[in-house]
Amino acid sequence: MPNIFPVGPDAHETKVFQPEVTKLFKANGWENIYHTHDSRRSEAGFPDVLAIKGGYLLVAELKAKKGKTSDAQDKWLTAFEGVQTISVRLWKPGINNEEIIDVATTKGNDPQPPDEIEGLRLKMLSTCEHGQVTYECAKCMKGIADGLASVVEEK
């Protein structure tokens, strides 16, 4: 197979390599390609490229020839490797609040969340002592956030 990537003293630098990888994927029908252009404003370690074609999601970290991944990059790559379900949602404030809470508190957990978490989830969906839905009441949500934090600390 011929070398389609650049050659020369800078050829193995990520800043030269990444555009060539993107160009190759676009030329082969990958229309949905995401690359963080300024990683200083992104979550530490988030992969360089996400690309979708058909039902295939590619997650790739690009490194210079002698480059090594950071611990944060390894953490992201390991997390993506473990993905078994992809859920796509469109959320708007005040419209999807119950669904957002449900996903945040039940998805990705063990099949049955601990009773403490389930209780806090149900409390968020109920009417609070101030006459509002709990997730819309800052005072009550502070207590729920503290409760969730204590459950997580115990694990």
N, C-alpha and C. Protein backbone atom coordinates (compact mmCIF):
# COMPACT_ATOMS: atom_id res chain seq x y z
N MET A 1 0.84 -1.17 0.00
CA MET A 1 0.00 0.00 0.00
C MET A 1 0.89 1.24 0.00
N PRO A 2 0.64 2.18 -0.89
CA PRO A 2 1.48 3.38 -0.94
C PRO A 2 1.25 4.27 0.27
N ASN A 3 2.29 5.02 0.64
CA ASN A 3 2.18 5.95 1.75
C ASN A 3 1.42 7.19 1.27
N ILE A 4 0.24 7.43 1.82
CA ILE A 4 -0.58 8.57 1.40
C ILE A 4 -0.40 9.76 2.33
N PHE A 5 0.37 9.56 3.39
CA PHE A 5 0.56 10.64 4.34
C PHE A 5 1.83 11.42 4.01
N PRO A 6 1.92 12.66 4.49
CA PRO A 6 3.05 13.51 4.13
C PRO A 6 4.39 12.92 4.59
N VAL A 7 5.43 13.34 3.90
CA VAL A 7 6.79 12.95 4.26
C VAL A 7 7.59 14.22 4.53
N GLY A 8 8.71 14.10 5.17
CA GLY A 8 9.53 15.26 5.47
C GLY A 8 9.74 15.40 6.96
N PRO A 9 10.49 16.43 7.38
CA PRO A 9 10.86 16.56 8.79
C PRO A 9 9.67 16.76 9.73
N ASP A 10 8.57 17.38 9.27
CA ASP A 10 7.41 17.61 10.13
C ASP A 10 6.30 16.58 9.93
N ALA A 11 6.53 15.60 9.07
CA ALA A 11 5.48 14.67 8.67
C ALA A 11 4.89 13.88 9.82
N HIS A 12 5.66 13.66 10.85
CA HIS A 12 5.18 12.84 11.96
C HIS A 12 4.62 13.69 13.10
N GLU A 13 4.48 14.97 12.89
CA GLU A 13 3.87 15.84 13.89
C GLU A 13 2.36 15.77 13.76
N THR A 14 1.65 15.74 14.89
CA THR A 14 0.20 15.63 14.88
C THR A 14 -0.46 16.74 14.07
N LYS A 15 0.08 17.96 14.14
CA LYS A 15 -0.53 19.09 13.43
C LYS A 15 -0.48 18.89 11.91
N VAL A 16 0.43 18.08 11.41
CA VAL A 16 0.51 17.77 9.98
C VAL A 16 -0.29 16.50 9.69
N PHE A 17 -0.20 15.54 10.57
CA PHE A 17 -0.84 14.24 10.41
C PHE A 17 -2.37 14.32 10.47
N GLN A 18 -2.90 15.07 11.43
CA GLN A 18 -4.35 15.13 11.65
C GLN A 18 -5.12 15.61 10.42
N PRO A 19 -4.73 16.71 9.76
CA PRO A 19 -5.49 17.13 8.57
C PRO A 19 -5.47 16.07 7.46
N GLU A 20 -4.39 15.34 7.34
CA GLU A 20 -4.32 14.30 6.33
C GLU A 20 -5.26 13.14 6.65
N VAL A 21 -5.34 12.79 7.92
CA VAL A 21 -6.28 11.73 8.34
C VAL A 21 -7.70 12.18 8.04
N THR A 22 -8.03 13.41 8.40
CA THR A 22 -9.37 13.96 8.15
C THR A 22 -9.68 13.96 6.66
N LYS A 23 -8.72 14.39 5.85
CA LYS A 23 -8.92 14.43 4.40
C LYS A 23 -9.19 13.03 3.85
N LEU A 24 -8.44 12.04 4.32
CA LEU A 24 -8.63 10.66 3.88
C LEU A 24 -10.04 10.16 4.22
N PHE A 25 -10.48 10.43 5.44
CA PHE A 25 -11.81 9.96 5.86
C PHE A 25 -12.91 10.66 5.06
N LYS A 26 -12.78 11.96 4.85
CA LYS A 26 -13.78 12.69 4.06
C LYS A 26 -13.84 12.16 2.63
N ALA A 27 -12.69 11.85 2.06
CA ALA A 27 -12.63 11.32 0.69
C ALA A 27 -13.27 9.94 0.58
N ASN A 28 -13.42 9.27 1.72
CA ASN A 28 -14.00 7.94 1.72
C ASN A 28 -15.40 7.90 2.32
N GLY A 29 -16.08 9.05 2.28
CA GLY A 29 -17.49 9.09 2.65
C GLY A 29 -17.82 9.34 4.10
N TRP A 30 -16.84 9.62 4.92
CA TRP A 30 -17.10 9.95 6.33
C TRP A 30 -17.48 11.43 6.38
N GLU A 31 -18.77 11.72 6.53
CA GLU A 31 -19.23 13.10 6.51
C GLU A 31 -19.26 13.74 7.88
N ASN A 32 -19.47 12.96 8.91
CA ASN A 32 -19.58 13.50 10.27
C ASN A 32 -18.27 13.27 11.01
N ILE A 33 -17.37 14.23 10.88
CA ILE A 33 -16.05 14.13 11.51
C ILE A 33 -15.90 15.32 12.45
N TYR A 34 -15.56 15.01 13.70
CA TYR A 34 -15.35 16.07 14.68
C TYR A 34 -13.90 16.06 15.14
N HIS A 35 -13.31 17.23 15.16
CA HIS A 35 -11.95 17.40 15.69
C HIS A 35 -11.94 18.65 16.53
N THR A 36 -11.45 18.55 17.76
CA THR A 36 -11.34 19.71 18.63
C THR A 36 -10.20 20.58 18.11
N HIS A 37 -10.53 21.80 17.74
CA HIS A 37 -9.51 22.68 17.17
C HIS A 37 -8.66 23.37 18.24
N ASP A 38 -9.21 23.58 19.42
CA ASP A 38 -8.45 24.20 20.49
C ASP A 38 -8.67 23.39 21.76
N SER A 39 -7.84 22.39 21.96
CA SER A 39 -8.04 21.47 23.08
C SER A 39 -7.85 22.12 24.44
N ARG A 40 -7.30 23.31 24.48
CA ARG A 40 -7.14 24.00 25.77
C ARG A 40 -8.49 24.35 26.38
N ARG A 41 -9.53 24.38 25.58
CA ARG A 41 -10.87 24.71 26.08
C ARG A 41 -11.77 23.48 26.13
N SER A 42 -11.19 22.32 26.04
CA SER A 42 -11.95 21.07 26.08
C SER A 42 -11.60 20.30 27.33
N GLU A 43 -12.39 19.30 27.60
CA GLU A 43 -12.13 18.41 28.72
C GLU A 43 -10.77 17.75 28.50
N ALA A 44 -9.95 17.70 29.54
CA ALA A 44 -8.61 17.13 29.43
C ALA A 44 -8.65 15.71 28.90
N GLY A 45 -7.84 15.43 27.89
CA GLY A 45 -7.69 14.09 27.37
C GLY A 45 -8.72 13.65 26.34
N PHE A 46 -9.73 14.50 26.06
CA PHE A 46 -10.77 14.08 25.10
C PHE A 46 -10.11 13.75 23.77
N PRO A 47 -10.52 12.65 23.13
CA PRO A 47 -9.87 12.20 21.90
C PRO A 47 -9.89 13.25 20.78
N ASP A 48 -8.91 13.15 19.90
CA ASP A 48 -8.75 14.12 18.81
C ASP A 48 -9.84 14.05 17.76
N VAL A 49 -10.30 12.85 17.44
CA VAL A 49 -11.23 12.69 16.33
C VAL A 49 -12.39 11.78 16.71
N LEU A 50 -13.59 12.21 16.39
CA LEU A 50 -14.77 11.37 16.41
C LEU A 50 -15.34 11.41 15.01
N ALA A 51 -15.64 10.27 14.44
CA ALA A 51 -16.16 10.21 13.08
C ALA A 51 -17.24 9.14 12.99
N ILE A 52 -18.25 9.43 12.18
CA ILE A 52 -19.37 8.49 12.02
C ILE A 52 -19.59 8.23 10.54
N LYS A 53 -19.76 6.94 10.22
CA LYS A 53 -20.12 6.55 8.86
C LYS A 53 -21.03 5.34 9.00
N GLY A 54 -22.24 5.45 8.44
CA GLY A 54 -23.20 4.37 8.61
C GLY A 54 -23.48 4.18 10.09
N GLY A 55 -23.37 2.98 10.56
CA GLY A 55 -23.59 2.70 11.98
C GLY A 55 -22.31 2.59 12.77
N TYR A 56 -21.21 3.13 12.25
CA TYR A 56 -19.89 2.97 12.87
C TYR A 56 -19.44 4.29 13.48
N LEU A 57 -19.08 4.27 14.75
CA LEU A 57 -18.51 5.44 15.43
C LEU A 57 -17.04 5.16 15.67
N LEU A 58 -16.19 6.02 15.17
CA LEU A 58 -14.74 5.90 15.37
C LEU A 58 -14.31 6.96 16.37
N VAL A 59 -13.52 6.56 17.35
CA VAL A 59 -12.91 7.47 18.31
C VAL A 59 -11.41 7.26 18.19
N ALA A 60 -10.67 8.33 17.88
CA ALA A 60 -9.23 8.18 17.65
C ALA A 60 -8.43 9.28 18.34
N GLU A 61 -7.36 8.88 18.94
CA GLU A 61 -6.37 9.81 19.49
C GLU A 61 -5.20 9.79 18.53
N LEU A 62 -4.76 10.95 18.09
CA LEU A 62 -3.63 11.04 17.16
C LEU A 62 -2.41 11.55 17.90
N LYS A 63 -1.29 10.91 17.66
CA LYS A 63 -0.05 11.29 18.33
C LYS A 63 1.08 11.38 17.32
N ALA A 64 2.06 12.20 17.64
CA ALA A 64 3.29 12.24 16.85
C ALA A 64 3.92 10.85 16.92
N LYS A 65 4.82 10.56 16.01
CA LYS A 65 5.40 9.21 15.90
C LYS A 65 5.91 8.68 17.24
N LYS A 66 6.55 9.53 18.01
CA LYS A 66 7.08 9.10 19.29
C LYS A 66 6.23 9.58 20.47
N GLY A 67 5.05 10.11 20.17
CA GLY A 67 4.18 10.65 21.21
C GLY A 67 3.57 9.57 22.09
N LYS A 68 3.26 9.93 23.31
CA LYS A 68 2.64 9.01 24.27
C LYS A 68 1.35 9.66 24.78
N THR A 69 0.39 8.82 25.08
CA THR A 69 -0.87 9.34 25.61
C THR A 69 -0.71 9.71 27.08
N SER A 70 -1.49 10.69 27.49
CA SER A 70 -1.51 11.11 28.90
C SER A 70 -2.46 10.19 29.67
N ASP A 71 -2.43 10.29 30.99
CA ASP A 71 -3.37 9.52 31.81
C ASP A 71 -4.81 9.90 31.46
N ALA A 72 -5.07 11.20 31.25
CA ALA A 72 -6.42 11.65 30.91
C ALA A 72 -6.86 11.08 29.56
N GLN A 73 -5.95 11.02 28.61
CA GLN A 73 -6.28 10.44 27.29
C GLN A 73 -6.57 8.94 27.42
N ASP A 74 -5.75 8.26 28.20
CA ASP A 74 -5.98 6.82 28.43
C ASP A 74 -7.34 6.58 29.08
N LYS A 75 -7.71 7.46 30.00
CA LYS A 75 -9.00 7.32 30.69
C LYS A 75 -10.15 7.45 29.69
N TRP A 76 -10.09 8.47 28.81
CA TRP A 76 -11.14 8.65 27.80
C TRP A 76 -11.19 7.47 26.84
N LEU A 77 -10.03 7.02 26.35
CA LEU A 77 -10.01 5.91 25.39
C LEU A 77 -10.57 4.64 26.02
N THR A 78 -10.21 4.39 27.26
CA THR A 78 -10.74 3.21 27.96
C THR A 78 -12.25 3.32 28.13
N ALA A 79 -12.73 4.51 28.47
CA ALA A 79 -14.18 4.70 28.62
C ALA A 79 -14.90 4.45 27.30
N PHE A 80 -14.37 4.98 26.20
CA PHE A 80 -14.99 4.75 24.90
C PHE A 80 -14.95 3.27 24.52
N GLU A 81 -13.86 2.59 24.83
CA GLU A 81 -13.77 1.15 24.52
C GLU A 81 -14.85 0.35 25.23
N GLY A 82 -15.25 0.80 26.40
CA GLY A 82 -16.25 0.08 27.19
C GLY A 82 -17.69 0.40 26.83
N VAL A 83 -17.91 1.31 25.90
CA VAL A 83 -19.28 1.69 25.54
C VAL A 83 -20.00 0.52 24.89
N GLN A 84 -21.19 0.22 25.40
CA GLN A 84 -22.01 -0.84 24.83
C GLN A 84 -23.31 -0.29 24.25
N THR A 85 -23.68 0.91 24.67
CA THR A 85 -24.92 1.52 24.21
C THR A 85 -24.66 2.99 23.92
N ILE A 86 -25.17 3.45 22.81
CA ILE A 86 -25.10 4.87 22.50
C ILE A 86 -26.53 5.39 22.49
N SER A 87 -26.76 6.45 23.22
CA SER A 87 -28.08 7.05 23.29
C SER A 87 -27.96 8.48 22.78
N VAL A 88 -28.78 8.83 21.83
CA VAL A 88 -28.74 10.17 21.24
C VAL A 88 -29.98 10.93 21.69
N ARG A 89 -29.79 12.09 22.25
CA ARG A 89 -30.91 12.88 22.78
C ARG A 89 -30.78 14.32 22.33
N LEU A 90 -31.90 15.01 22.25
CA LEU A 90 -31.96 16.46 22.08
C LEU A 90 -32.71 16.97 23.30
N TRP A 91 -32.05 17.77 24.10
CA TRP A 91 -32.64 18.26 25.33
C TRP A 91 -32.75 19.77 25.31
N LYS A 92 -33.87 20.26 25.86
CA LYS A 92 -34.10 21.70 25.99
C LYS A 92 -34.52 21.98 27.43
N PRO A 93 -34.02 23.08 28.02
CA PRO A 93 -34.36 23.38 29.41
C PRO A 93 -35.85 23.60 29.57
N GLY A 94 -36.40 23.06 30.65
CA GLY A 94 -37.81 23.23 30.95
C GLY A 94 -38.73 22.30 30.18
N ILE A 95 -38.20 21.60 29.18
CA ILE A 95 -39.02 20.69 28.37
C ILE A 95 -38.67 19.24 28.70
N ASN A 96 -37.39 18.95 28.81
CA ASN A 96 -36.93 17.58 29.00
C ASN A 96 -36.34 17.32 30.38
N ASN A 97 -36.67 18.15 31.36
CA ASN A 97 -36.03 18.03 32.67
C ASN A 97 -36.19 16.66 33.30
N GLU A 98 -37.39 16.08 33.23
CA GLU A 98 -37.61 14.77 33.84
C GLU A 98 -36.77 13.70 33.15
N GLU A 99 -36.69 13.76 31.82
CA GLU A 99 -35.89 12.79 31.08
C GLU A 99 -34.40 12.96 31.42
N ILE A 100 -33.94 14.19 31.52
CA ILE A 100 -32.54 14.46 31.86
C ILE A 100 -32.21 13.85 33.22
N ILE A 101 -33.07 14.08 34.19
CA ILE A 101 -32.86 13.54 35.54
C ILE A 101 -32.87 12.01 35.49
N ASP A 102 -33.82 11.44 34.76
CA ASP A 102 -33.91 10.00 34.66
C ASP A 102 -32.63 9.41 34.07
N VAL A 103 -32.14 9.98 32.97
CA VAL A 103 -30.93 9.47 32.34
C VAL A 103 -29.73 9.65 33.27
N ALA A 104 -29.61 10.83 33.88
CA ALA A 104 -28.45 11.10 34.74
C ALA A 104 -28.40 10.18 35.95
N THR A 105 -29.57 9.78 36.45
CA THR A 105 -29.59 9.00 37.69
C THR A 105 -29.77 7.51 37.49
N THR A 106 -30.13 7.06 36.27
CA THR A 106 -30.36 5.63 36.10
C THR A 106 -29.51 4.98 35.01
N LYS A 107 -29.14 5.68 33.99
CA LYS A 107 -28.39 5.06 32.88
C LYS A 107 -26.92 4.97 33.22
N GLY A 108 -26.29 3.89 32.77
CA GLY A 108 -24.86 3.71 33.01
C GLY A 108 -24.55 3.17 34.38
N ASN A 109 -25.58 3.00 35.21
CA ASN A 109 -25.38 2.44 36.55
C ASN A 109 -25.57 0.94 36.49
N ASP A 110 -25.47 0.32 37.64
CA ASP A 110 -25.85 -1.08 37.75
C ASP A 110 -27.31 -1.18 37.33
N PRO A 111 -27.77 -2.34 36.90
CA PRO A 111 -29.16 -2.46 36.46
C PRO A 111 -30.15 -1.89 37.47
N GLN A 112 -29.95 -2.11 38.74
CA GLN A 112 -30.82 -1.53 39.76
C GLN A 112 -30.00 -0.54 40.58
N PRO A 113 -30.32 0.76 40.49
CA PRO A 113 -29.56 1.72 41.29
C PRO A 113 -29.79 1.46 42.78
N PRO A 114 -28.82 1.82 43.60
CA PRO A 114 -29.01 1.65 45.04
C PRO A 114 -30.28 2.38 45.49
N ASP A 115 -30.91 1.85 46.54
CA ASP A 115 -32.16 2.44 47.03
C ASP A 115 -32.01 3.92 47.33
N GLU A 116 -30.84 4.33 47.84
CA GLU A 116 -30.65 5.75 48.17
C GLU A 116 -30.75 6.62 46.92
N ILE A 117 -30.14 6.18 45.83
CA ILE A 117 -30.17 6.96 44.59
C ILE A 117 -31.57 6.96 44.00
N GLU A 118 -32.23 5.82 44.00
CA GLU A 118 -33.60 5.75 43.48
C GLU A 118 -34.51 6.67 44.29
N GLY A 119 -34.34 6.69 45.60
CA GLY A 119 -35.14 7.57 46.44
C GLY A 119 -34.90 9.04 46.11
N LEU A 120 -33.64 9.42 45.90
CA LEU A 120 -33.32 10.81 45.55
C LEU A 120 -33.86 11.16 44.16
N ARG A 121 -33.81 10.19 43.22
CA ARG A 121 -34.35 10.44 41.88
C ARG A 121 -35.85 10.71 41.96
N LEU A 122 -36.57 9.89 42.71
CA LEU A 122 -38.01 10.09 42.85
C LEU A 122 -38.32 11.41 43.55
N LYS A 123 -37.50 11.77 44.51
CA LYS A 123 -37.70 13.04 45.22
C LYS A 123 -37.54 14.21 44.26
N MET A 124 -36.58 14.14 43.32
CA MET A 124 -36.38 15.23 42.36
C MET A 124 -37.60 15.43 41.48
N LEU A 125 -38.34 14.36 41.24
CA LEU A 125 -39.49 14.43 40.35
C LEU A 125 -40.78 14.81 41.08
N SER A 126 -40.71 14.91 42.40
CA SER A 126 -41.91 15.22 43.18
C SER A 126 -42.01 16.72 43.47
N THR A 127 -43.11 17.12 44.11
CA THR A 127 -43.29 18.52 44.51
C THR A 127 -42.58 18.73 45.84
N CYS A 128 -41.79 19.80 45.92
CA CYS A 128 -41.02 20.05 47.14
C CYS A 128 -41.84 20.85 48.15
N GLU A 129 -41.25 21.09 49.31
CA GLU A 129 -41.93 21.84 50.38
C GLU A 129 -42.20 23.29 50.00
N HIS A 130 -41.57 23.76 48.92
CA HIS A 130 -41.78 25.15 48.48
C HIS A 130 -42.83 25.23 47.37
N GLY A 131 -43.50 24.11 47.08
CA GLY A 131 -44.57 24.09 46.10
C GLY A 131 -44.12 24.00 44.65
N GLN A 132 -42.86 23.67 44.42
CA GLN A 132 -42.33 23.53 43.06
C GLN A 132 -41.94 22.08 42.80
N VAL A 133 -41.75 21.76 41.52
CA VAL A 133 -41.14 20.46 41.23
C VAL A 133 -39.72 20.57 41.76
N THR A 134 -39.29 19.58 42.51
CA THR A 134 -38.03 19.67 43.23
C THR A 134 -36.85 20.07 42.36
N TYR A 135 -36.75 19.49 41.14
CA TYR A 135 -35.58 19.80 40.31
C TYR A 135 -35.55 21.26 39.86
N GLU A 136 -36.64 22.01 40.06
CA GLU A 136 -36.66 23.43 39.71
C GLU A 136 -36.42 24.32 40.93
N CYS A 137 -36.27 23.73 42.10
CA CYS A 137 -36.08 24.49 43.35
C CYS A 137 -34.62 24.40 43.78
N ALA A 138 -33.92 25.50 43.72
CA ALA A 138 -32.49 25.51 44.03
C ALA A 138 -32.22 25.05 45.46
N LYS A 139 -33.05 25.46 46.43
CA LYS A 139 -32.83 25.08 47.82
C LYS A 139 -32.94 23.57 47.99
N CYS A 140 -33.96 22.98 47.40
CA CYS A 140 -34.16 21.55 47.56
C CYS A 140 -33.14 20.75 46.75
N MET A 141 -32.75 21.23 45.60
CA MET A 141 -31.75 20.52 44.80
C MET A 141 -30.39 20.50 45.48
N LYS A 142 -30.09 21.52 46.25
CA LYS A 142 -28.83 21.53 47.00
C LYS A 142 -28.80 20.34 47.95
N GLY A 143 -29.90 20.07 48.64
CA GLY A 143 -29.97 18.93 49.54
C GLY A 143 -29.85 17.61 48.81
N ILE A 144 -30.47 17.52 47.64
CA ILE A 144 -30.38 16.29 46.86
C ILE A 144 -28.96 16.08 46.35
N ALA A 145 -28.32 17.15 45.88
CA ALA A 145 -26.94 17.05 45.42
C ALA A 145 -26.03 16.57 46.55
N ASP A 146 -26.23 17.10 47.75
CA ASP A 146 -25.45 16.65 48.90
C ASP A 146 -25.70 15.18 49.19
N GLY A 147 -26.97 14.75 49.06
CA GLY A 147 -27.32 13.35 49.29
C GLY A 147 -26.66 12.43 48.28
N LEU A 148 -26.66 12.83 47.00
CA LEU A 148 -26.01 12.03 45.97
C LEU A 148 -24.51 11.95 46.23
N ALA A 149 -23.92 13.06 46.62
CA ALA A 149 -22.48 13.07 46.89
C ALA A 149 -22.14 12.09 48.02
N SER A 150 -22.97 12.03 49.06
CA SER A 150 -22.67 11.13 50.17
C SER A 150 -22.82 9.66 49.75
N VAL A 151 -23.79 9.37 48.87
CA VAL A 151 -23.95 7.99 48.37
C VAL A 151 -22.72 7.59 47.55
N VAL A 152 -22.24 8.50 46.68
CA VAL A 152 -21.08 8.23 45.85
C VAL A 152 -19.83 8.03 46.71
N GLU A 153 -19.68 8.86 47.74
CA GLU A 153 -18.51 8.75 48.63
C GLU A 153 -18.49 7.39 49.34
N GLU A 154 -19.67 6.87 49.69
CA GLU A 154 -19.74 5.59 50.39
C GLU A 154 -19.27 4.44 49.52
N LYS A 155 -19.46 4.55 48.19
CA LYS A 155 -19.06 3.46 47.28
C LYS A 155 -17.61 3.44 47.14
